[in-house]
Amino acid sequence: MSDNSNLMEVLKMGSEKENARNCIAIQERRRKLAEWYDQYETVAEILLDCEFKGAIKKGKLWMESFRPEMVWKLAGDVSNKRVLDIGCQYGVFSFFLSEKGASVTGIDISKKWVERCLREASTRRDCSKMEFRICDAQELAFDDESFDIVVCTEVIEHVDYAGNVLSEINRVLVPGGILVLGTPNTGSYYVKIWNILKMLLPMKAIRWILKKILTVSQEDAYQRVRRQLPEERRAEFDREIKKLEELNKQLEVNDPGKEEFSEHIREFSLDEIETLLNLMGFEIEKRTGFPVFPTYYFLSLRMLIREWFIKVKDNSRWRYRSAPFVYIRAVKKEPPIFHI
């Protein structure tokens, strides 16, 4: 009995040590991910500050018009409504909804994005209806029932506890308030096909095939963008891209045989998202899909099908089941069941 007890203690200690090592490894990776994301923002700001031509310009304009229009339609009438934009980045939703008459508060955990939004807001005619601040989506620094509408897109896949984010959103929304949620859908038809392809072929072979079919690679895309930058900013762009590549090496994502890099901590299927929303006290009213593909290979394809895709009814099953990004309109009905 004593021997068994000792053995159990040894096993327990070993398990605790292993768990501690895993925890340290996870925390270190997340620290590196945070560095990667900050560096990505530095590169993104260079691109945002520059004028592009041709397909790149059209693609950028389409992304910055289609997405906010889709969010606006899901949110409904925003005139004189208090709107919270979580993960506002450079303010594409915040400024659009402000122009539609909303009083907007944009938050982001990144100091760089908040500072950029504040600079942009200072140039706007009615900046008194806009506010930007640094804030963690898992701990919203606002009073209960402070907002009529919350926009939260491309956020819950980046946090440790998505339930906390939705619980906090429930808290700051008025009864009957609207949540517009956008996130990748791992259960989409596109993602399922992609996963089957990865089961059948190594990633290195997939990339070779895609390059042959689409006659474009990551390096081609990089050079295409670089050529359109002003000459005085190319050296800066090269320098910041190099830093990003160094972080890629630290995260072991430069091996061409590995899967494409994703900074997402946890992604959900549509069914999982709906279950989570229900647990957090929300009732889903509408679903739609955003036709963006999570890989640079499909930029040309996305541009070709965009006009056809947006004609599909928003709440059609095909649209929200096929698109790799799902957007949902949900209404606050009751308090959340739990808070992680």
Foldseek 3Di string as FASTA:
>chain_A
DVVVVVVVVVVVVVVVVVVVVVVVVVVVLLVLLVVLVLLVLVLVVLLVVADFDDLVNVLVVCVLPVVLVVLDVLQDQQAAFEEEEEQCQQNSNPVVSVVSHHQYEYEHQDPVNQVNNVVVLVPDPCSVSYHYDYDDLLDDPDAFQQGQEYEAEAPLQQDPDSLSNLLVVLRNHDAFGKYKYKFFACQAPVNVVVVVVCVVDFQLVVQVVLCVVLVDDPVNVVVSSLVRRDPVCSVVSVVSVVVSVVSCVVSPQPPSRDDHDDSGPDGHHPVVVCVSNVLQQKDWDAKFADADDPDPSCSVVCVVCVVVLVVPDGRDPNGQRHHRMMITMITRHDHHNDRD
